C-alpha atoms as a PDB file:
ATOM      1  CA  MET A   1     -16.124 -23.435  -8.080  1.00  0.00           C
ATOM      2  CA  THR A   2     -16.120 -20.835 -10.691  1.00  0.00           C
ATOM      3  CA  VAL A   3     -13.538 -21.029 -13.940  1.00  0.00           C
ATOM      4  CA  ALA A   4     -12.047 -17.941 -12.681  1.00  0.00           C
ATOM      5  CA  SER A   5     -11.485 -19.500  -9.721  1.00  0.00           C
ATOM      6  CA  THR A   6     -10.108 -21.641 -11.337  1.00  0.00           C
ATOM      7  CA  LEU A   7      -7.533 -20.011 -13.279  1.00  0.00           C
ATOM      8  CA  ASP A   8      -6.328 -17.565  -9.939  1.00  0.00           C
ATOM      9  CA  TYR A   9      -4.825 -20.733  -9.160  1.00  0.00           C
ATOM     10  CA  LEU A  10      -4.072 -22.373 -10.974  1.00  0.00           C
ATOM     11  CA  ILE A  11      -1.903 -19.651 -13.285  1.00  0.00           C
ATOM     12  CA  PRO A  12       0.049 -19.061 -10.548  1.00  0.00           C
ATOM     13  CA  ILE A  13       1.171 -22.247 -10.012  1.00  0.00           C
ATOM     14  CA  LEU A  14       2.275 -23.069 -13.263  1.00  0.00           C
ATOM     15  CA  GLY A  15       4.102 -19.673 -13.193  1.00  0.00           C
ATOM     16  CA  ALA A  16       5.468 -20.970 -10.128  1.00  0.00           C
ATOM     17  CA  LEU A  17       6.776 -24.321 -11.862  1.00  0.00           C
ATOM     18  CA  THR A  18       7.808 -22.576 -15.302  1.00  0.00           C
ATOM     19  CA  SER A  19      10.261 -19.700 -13.139  1.00  0.00           C
ATOM     20  CA  ALA A  20      11.769 -23.159 -11.445  1.00  0.00           C
ATOM     21  CA  VAL A  21      12.811 -25.492 -14.024  1.00  0.00           C
ATOM     22  CA  LEU A  22      14.022 -22.053 -15.575  1.00  0.00           C
ATOM     23  CA  ALA A  23      16.195 -21.271 -12.769  1.00  0.00           C
ATOM     24  CA  TYR A  24      17.095 -24.620 -12.335  1.00  0.00           C
ATOM     25  CA  ARG A  25      18.234 -26.289 -15.476  1.00  0.00           C
ATOM     26  CA  PHE A  26      19.767 -22.679 -16.986  1.00  0.00           C
ATOM     27  CA  SER A  27      22.307 -20.994 -14.797  1.00  0.00           C
ATOM     28  CA  LEU A  28      22.527 -16.859 -15.381  1.00  0.00           C
ATOM     29  CA  PHE A  29      20.022 -17.300 -18.631  1.00  0.00           C
ATOM     30  CA  GLY A  30      18.099 -19.734 -16.436  1.00  0.00           C
ATOM     31  CA  PHE A  31      17.735 -17.501 -13.654  1.00  0.00           C
ATOM     32  CA  LEU A  32      16.261 -14.240 -15.602  1.00  0.00           C
ATOM     33  CA  SER A  33      14.738 -15.769 -17.506  1.00  0.00           C
ATOM     34  CA  GLY A  34      12.382 -17.109 -14.374  1.00  0.00           C
ATOM     35  CA  ILE A  35      12.669 -14.235 -13.309  1.00  0.00           C
ATOM     36  CA  LEU A  36      10.188 -13.050 -16.255  1.00  0.00           C
ATOM     37  CA  ALA A  37       8.021 -15.656 -16.401  1.00  0.00           C
ATOM     38  CA  PHE A  38       7.273 -15.489 -12.486  1.00  0.00           C
ATOM     39  CA  TRP A  39       6.730 -12.176 -13.139  1.00  0.00           C
ATOM     40  CA  ALA A  40       4.504 -12.698 -16.649  1.00  0.00           C
ATOM     41  CA  PHE A  41       2.177 -15.341 -15.326  1.00  0.00           C
ATOM     42  CA  ALA A  42       1.434 -12.928 -12.107  1.00  0.00           C
ATOM     43  CA  LEU A  43       0.807 -10.498 -14.908  1.00  0.00           C
ATOM     44  CA  ILE A  44      -2.088 -13.023 -16.622  1.00  0.00           C
ATOM     45  CA  ARG A  45      -3.466 -13.665 -13.766  1.00  0.00           C
ATOM     46  CA  TYR A  46      -4.585 -10.603 -13.353  1.00  0.00           C
ATOM     47  CA  GLU A  47      -5.777 -10.078 -17.042  1.00  0.00           C
ATOM     48  CA  VAL A  48      -7.198 -12.930 -17.153  1.00  0.00           C
ATOM     49  CA  VAL A  49      -9.218 -13.044 -13.558  1.00  0.00           C
ATOM     50  CA  MET A  50     -10.062  -8.533 -14.538  1.00  0.00           C
ATOM     51  CA  TYR A  51     -12.265  -9.985 -17.387  1.00  0.00           C
ATOM     52  CA  LEU A  52     -13.561 -13.255 -16.146  1.00  0.00           C
ATOM     53  CA  ASP A  53     -15.067 -11.817 -12.764  1.00  0.00           C
ATOM     54  CA  PRO A  54     -15.702  -8.751 -13.526  1.00  0.00           C
ATOM     55  CA  SER A  55     -16.134  -7.625  -9.214  1.00  0.00           C
ATOM     56  CA  TYR A  56     -12.476  -8.017  -9.255  1.00  0.00           C
ATOM     57  CA  GLU A  57     -11.243  -4.397  -9.132  1.00  0.00           C
ATOM     58  CA  PRO A  58      -7.825  -3.969  -7.620  1.00  0.00           C
ATOM     59  CA  GLY A  59      -6.812  -0.580  -8.601  1.00  0.00           C
ATOM     60  CA  VAL A  60      -4.000   1.481 -10.517  1.00  0.00           C
ATOM     61  CA  LEU A  61      -2.645   0.432  -6.978  1.00  0.00           C
ATOM     62  CA  GLY A  62      -2.946  -2.814  -6.646  1.00  0.00           C
ATOM     63  CA  ALA A  63      -2.386  -3.462 -10.008  1.00  0.00           C
ATOM     64  CA  VAL A  64       1.526  -1.535  -9.282  1.00  0.00           C
ATOM     65  CA  MET A  65       2.194  -3.351  -6.761  1.00  0.00           C
ATOM     66  CA  LEU A  66       1.111  -6.786  -8.374  1.00  0.00           C
ATOM     67  CA  GLY A  67       3.949  -5.609 -10.809  1.00  0.00           C
ATOM     68  CA  PHE A  68       6.321  -4.824  -8.085  1.00  0.00           C
ATOM     69  CA  MET A  69       6.101  -7.910  -5.914  1.00  0.00           C
ATOM     70  CA  ALA A  70       6.144  -9.974  -8.502  1.00  0.00           C
ATOM     71  CA  TRP A  71       9.146  -9.315  -9.664  1.00  0.00           C
ATOM     72  CA  VAL A  72      11.297  -9.456  -5.833  1.00  0.00           C
ATOM     73  CA  LEU A  73       8.870 -12.828  -5.025  1.00  0.00           C
ATOM     74  CA  GLY A  74       9.940 -14.488  -8.623  1.00  0.00           C
ATOM     75  CA  VAL A  75      14.238 -13.406  -7.487  1.00  0.00           C
ATOM     76  CA  VAL A  76      13.281 -14.932  -4.157  1.00  0.00           C
ATOM     77  CA  TRP A  77      11.279 -17.948  -5.836  1.00  0.00           C
ATOM     78  CA  CYS A  78      14.425 -18.517  -8.453  1.00  0.00           C
ATOM     79  CA  SER A  79      16.748 -17.947  -6.428  1.00  0.00           C
ATOM     80  CA  ILE A  80      16.223 -20.755  -4.731  1.00  0.00           C
ATOM     81  CA  PHE A  81      16.559 -22.966  -7.439  1.00  0.00           C
ATOM     82  CA  SER A  82      19.903 -20.966  -8.827  1.00  0.00           C
ATOM     83  CA  LEU A  83      21.274 -21.857  -5.682  1.00  0.00           C
ATOM     84  CA  ALA A  84      20.386 -25.671  -5.699  1.00  0.00           C
ATOM     85  CA  ASN A  85      21.586 -25.863  -9.222  1.00  0.00           C
ATOM     86  CA  ILE A  86      24.889 -24.378  -8.012  1.00  0.00           C
ATOM     87  CA  ILE A  87      25.679 -26.354  -5.167  1.00  0.00           C
ATOM     88  CA  VAL A  88      24.325 -29.762  -7.028  1.00  0.00           C
ATOM     89  CA  SER A  89      26.941 -28.263 -10.183  1.00  0.00           C
ATOM     90  CA  ARG A  90      29.620 -28.189  -7.223  1.00  0.00           C
ATOM     91  CA  ILE A  91      28.940 -32.109  -5.609  1.00  0.00           C
ATOM     92  CA  LYS A  92      28.592 -33.607  -8.338  1.00  0.00           C
ATOM     93  CA  ARG A  93      31.985 -32.087  -9.867  1.00  0.00           C
ATOM     94  CA  THR A  94      34.128 -33.278  -7.092  1.00  0.00           C
ATOM     95  CA  ALA A  95      32.603 -35.891  -6.934  1.00  0.00           C
END
């Protein structure tokens, strides 16, 4: 396994974990910062892999689609943890 392929897997995992913690731990601010963290880690992964692997060339359309899909997936991913936070806090209030 090369460094590029290791970072290709490691950076998105770190981004997903970071955004999940932010979205669950904090309310609306965590949701928005989790989306931003998810997006930032996706772009960092893109730049690192392009730097370390010269054969990786997604082109302009690939970069635009990556940026757009990172926002969409970030919203979906962070909404799961924000909803879990809301449900847990409501259960704690009623108990």
